[in-house]
Amino acid sequence: KSEPERFSHLFRKASVPFLPVYAAGGAMIEALSPFLKNEKLASRAVVYAASLTALELIACKLDRIAGDASWSYAPDGESSSLEGCVDLPRGLAWGGLGLLAERFLPKVVGARKK
């Protein structure tokens, strides 16, 4: 079975190297980080992993409604159901990326506001 074509529905089926879910994830990190600033590193990582994985699941559901999948983590590229929407390694990666982003987003956002 060949790999289905991946594209963004929001960009009129153009092949783009990013998806809107990443921008939403950045906004979520920016919104969550002030509430998590006094929490331990592991707690913050878990919150980011769970929150961003949930966001990815919601985005995936919307993506599947729009048509073929923009992404699928399923081994066989299955995209007709929710299979392949999220997986453990990428969920853990979201936690790590959340920690990195909370460190660098204030610098980027602060520079933009000047």
C-alpha atoms as a PDB file:
ATOM      1  CA  LYS A   1       0.000   0.000   0.000  1.00  0.00           C
ATOM      2  CA  SER A   2       1.443   3.345  -0.991  1.00  0.00           C
ATOM      3  CA  GLU A   3       1.684   6.244   1.439  1.00  0.00           C
ATOM      4  CA  PRO A   4      -1.269   8.654   1.010  1.00  0.00           C
ATOM      5  CA  GLU A   5      -0.453  12.183  -0.077  1.00  0.00           C
ATOM      6  CA  ARG A   6      -0.151  14.612   2.856  1.00  0.00           C
ATOM      7  CA  PHE A   7      -1.226  18.228   2.549  1.00  0.00           C
ATOM      8  CA  SER A   8      -2.857  21.030   4.484  1.00  0.00           C
ATOM      9  CA  HIS A   9      -6.585  21.456   3.956  1.00  0.00           C
ATOM     10  CA  LEU A  10      -6.357  25.054   5.152  1.00  0.00           C
ATOM     11  CA  PHE A  11      -3.850  25.942   2.445  1.00  0.00           C
ATOM     12  CA  ARG A  12      -5.975  24.619  -0.411  1.00  0.00           C
ATOM     13  CA  LYS A  13      -4.167  21.299  -0.546  1.00  0.00           C
ATOM     14  CA  ALA A  14      -0.758  22.936  -0.976  1.00  0.00           C
ATOM     15  CA  SER A  15       2.151  20.974   0.414  1.00  0.00           C
ATOM     16  CA  VAL A  16       3.440  23.085   3.277  1.00  0.00           C
ATOM     17  CA  PRO A  17       6.110  22.213   5.867  1.00  0.00           C
ATOM     18  CA  PHE A  18       3.888  23.148   8.801  1.00  0.00           C
ATOM     19  CA  LEU A  19       0.336  22.796   9.962  1.00  0.00           C
ATOM     20  CA  PRO A  20      -1.845  25.261  11.887  1.00  0.00           C
ATOM     21  CA  VAL A  21      -1.787  22.901  14.894  1.00  0.00           C
ATOM     22  CA  TYR A  22       1.819  23.986  15.530  1.00  0.00           C
ATOM     23  CA  ALA A  23       0.815  27.645  15.795  1.00  0.00           C
ATOM     24  CA  ALA A  24      -2.041  26.685  18.105  1.00  0.00           C
ATOM     25  CA  GLY A  25       0.444  24.669  20.178  1.00  0.00           C
ATOM     26  CA  GLY A  26       2.714  27.687  20.523  1.00  0.00           C
ATOM     27  CA  ALA A  27      -0.216  29.810  21.645  1.00  0.00           C
ATOM     28  CA  MET A  28      -1.207  27.115  24.142  1.00  0.00           C
ATOM     29  CA  ILE A  29       2.309  27.023  25.601  1.00  0.00           C
ATOM     30  CA  GLU A  30       2.342  30.800  25.876  1.00  0.00           C
ATOM     31  CA  ALA A  31      -1.027  30.716  27.649  1.00  0.00           C
ATOM     32  CA  LEU A  32      -0.111  27.861  30.024  1.00  0.00           C
ATOM     33  CA  SER A  33       3.420  28.871  30.986  1.00  0.00           C
ATOM     34  CA  PRO A  34       2.491  31.692  33.418  1.00  0.00           C
ATOM     35  CA  PHE A  35       0.309  29.259  35.383  1.00  0.00           C
ATOM     36  CA  LEU A  36       3.057  26.647  35.498  1.00  0.00           C
ATOM     37  CA  LYS A  37       6.037  28.846  36.389  1.00  0.00           C
ATOM     38  CA  ASN A  38       6.133  27.689  40.036  1.00  0.00           C
ATOM     39  CA  GLU A  39       5.679  23.997  39.229  1.00  0.00           C
ATOM     40  CA  LYS A  40       8.474  21.429  39.097  1.00  0.00           C
ATOM     41  CA  LEU A  41      10.055  20.619  35.750  1.00  0.00           C
ATOM     42  CA  ALA A  42       8.478  17.144  35.560  1.00  0.00           C
ATOM     43  CA  SER A  43       5.017  18.528  36.342  1.00  0.00           C
ATOM     44  CA  ARG A  44       5.330  21.170  33.642  1.00  0.00           C
ATOM     45  CA  ALA A  45       6.483  18.546  31.131  1.00  0.00           C
ATOM     46  CA  VAL A  46       3.473  16.340  31.922  1.00  0.00           C
ATOM     47  CA  VAL A  47       1.040  19.258  31.554  1.00  0.00           C
ATOM     48  CA  TYR A  48       2.579  20.266  28.218  1.00  0.00           C
ATOM     49  CA  ALA A  49       2.611  16.671  26.961  1.00  0.00           C
ATOM     50  CA  ALA A  50      -1.036  16.078  27.903  1.00  0.00           C
ATOM     51  CA  SER A  51      -2.298  19.474  26.714  1.00  0.00           C
ATOM     52  CA  LEU A  52      -0.464  19.483  23.405  1.00  0.00           C
ATOM     53  CA  THR A  53      -1.334  15.849  22.695  1.00  0.00           C
ATOM     54  CA  ALA A  54      -5.007  16.674  23.355  1.00  0.00           C
ATOM     55  CA  LEU A  55      -4.709  19.646  20.988  1.00  0.00           C
ATOM     56  CA  GLU A  56      -3.147  17.387  18.365  1.00  0.00           C
ATOM     57  CA  LEU A  57      -6.000  14.882  18.800  1.00  0.00           C
ATOM     58  CA  ILE A  58      -8.622  17.612  18.346  1.00  0.00           C
ATOM     59  CA  ALA A  59      -6.794  18.971  15.293  1.00  0.00           C
ATOM     60  CA  CYS A  60      -6.601  15.454  13.894  1.00  0.00           C
ATOM     61  CA  LYS A  61     -10.331  14.913  14.327  1.00  0.00           C
ATOM     62  CA  LEU A  62     -11.015  18.181  12.477  1.00  0.00           C
ATOM     63  CA  ASP A  63      -8.478  17.216   9.820  1.00  0.00           C
ATOM     64  CA  ARG A  64     -10.194  13.855   9.268  1.00  0.00           C
ATOM     65  CA  ILE A  65     -13.553  15.599   8.875  1.00  0.00           C
ATOM     66  CA  ALA A  66     -12.069  17.832   6.162  1.00  0.00           C
ATOM     67  CA  GLY A  67     -10.881  14.846   4.135  1.00  0.00           C
ATOM     68  CA  ASP A  68      -7.650  12.899   3.817  1.00  0.00           C
ATOM     69  CA  ALA A  69      -5.245  13.213   6.702  1.00  0.00           C
ATOM     70  CA  SER A  70      -2.525  15.853   6.774  1.00  0.00           C
ATOM     71  CA  TRP A  71      -0.543  13.448   8.979  1.00  0.00           C
ATOM     72  CA  SER A  72      -0.750   9.959  10.342  1.00  0.00           C
ATOM     73  CA  TYR A  73       1.527   8.248  12.844  1.00  0.00           C
ATOM     74  CA  ALA A  74       0.034   4.840  12.093  1.00  0.00           C
ATOM     75  CA  PRO A  75       2.601   2.372  10.737  1.00  0.00           C
ATOM     76  CA  ASP A  76       0.577   1.709   7.601  1.00  0.00           C
ATOM     77  CA  GLY A  77      -0.380   5.365   7.000  1.00  0.00           C
ATOM     78  CA  GLU A  78      -4.017   4.657   7.917  1.00  0.00           C
ATOM     79  CA  SER A  79      -5.941   7.918   7.957  1.00  0.00           C
ATOM     80  CA  SER A  80      -9.617   7.034   7.700  1.00  0.00           C
ATOM     81  CA  SER A  81     -10.121   6.888  11.461  1.00  0.00           C
ATOM     82  CA  LEU A  82      -8.492   8.382  14.519  1.00  0.00           C
ATOM     83  CA  GLU A  83      -5.757   5.794  14.375  1.00  0.00           C
ATOM     84  CA  GLY A  84      -2.485   7.558  13.795  1.00  0.00           C
ATOM     85  CA  CYS A  85      -3.616  10.882  15.272  1.00  0.00           C
ATOM     86  CA  VAL A  86      -1.335  10.744  18.308  1.00  0.00           C
ATOM     87  CA  ASP A  87       1.246   8.388  19.739  1.00  0.00           C
ATOM     88  CA  LEU A  88       3.362   8.069  22.863  1.00  0.00           C
ATOM     89  CA  PRO A  89       6.775   9.098  21.473  1.00  0.00           C
ATOM     90  CA  ARG A  90       5.356  12.276  19.976  1.00  0.00           C
ATOM     91  CA  GLY A  91       3.336  12.973  23.113  1.00  0.00           C
ATOM     92  CA  LEU A  92       6.550  12.820  25.112  1.00  0.00           C
ATOM     93  CA  ALA A  93       8.207  15.053  22.537  1.00  0.00           C
ATOM     94  CA  TRP A  94       5.404  17.608  23.009  1.00  0.00           C
ATOM     95  CA  GLY A  95       6.320  17.721  26.696  1.00  0.00           C
ATOM     96  CA  GLY A  96       9.959  18.418  25.893  1.00  0.00           C
ATOM     97  CA  LEU A  97       9.079  20.970  23.246  1.00  0.00           C
ATOM     98  CA  GLY A  98       6.787  22.704  25.718  1.00  0.00           C
ATOM     99  CA  LEU A  99       9.677  23.070  28.145  1.00  0.00           C
ATOM    100  CA  LEU A 100      11.933  24.441  25.416  1.00  0.00           C
ATOM    101  CA  ALA A 101       9.284  26.816  24.158  1.00  0.00           C
ATOM    102  CA  GLU A 102       8.518  28.225  27.605  1.00  0.00           C
ATOM    103  CA  ARG A 103      12.167  29.183  27.817  1.00  0.00           C
ATOM    104  CA  PHE A 104      12.426  30.807  24.370  1.00  0.00           C
ATOM    105  CA  LEU A 105       8.910  32.126  23.645  1.00  0.00           C
ATOM    106  CA  PRO A 106       9.177  35.038  26.121  1.00  0.00           C
ATOM    107  CA  LYS A 107      12.304  36.229  24.309  1.00  0.00           C
ATOM    108  CA  VAL A 108      10.635  36.011  20.898  1.00  0.00           C
ATOM    109  CA  VAL A 109       7.350  37.549  22.041  1.00  0.00           C
ATOM    110  CA  GLY A 110       9.162  40.228  24.057  1.00  0.00           C
ATOM    111  CA  ALA A 111      11.284  41.172  21.042  1.00  0.00           C
ATOM    112  CA  ARG A 112       8.146  41.398  18.917  1.00  0.00           C
ATOM    113  CA  LYS A 113       6.434  43.752  21.377  1.00  0.00           C
ATOM    114  CA  LYS A 114       9.333  46.275  21.407  1.00  0.00           C
END
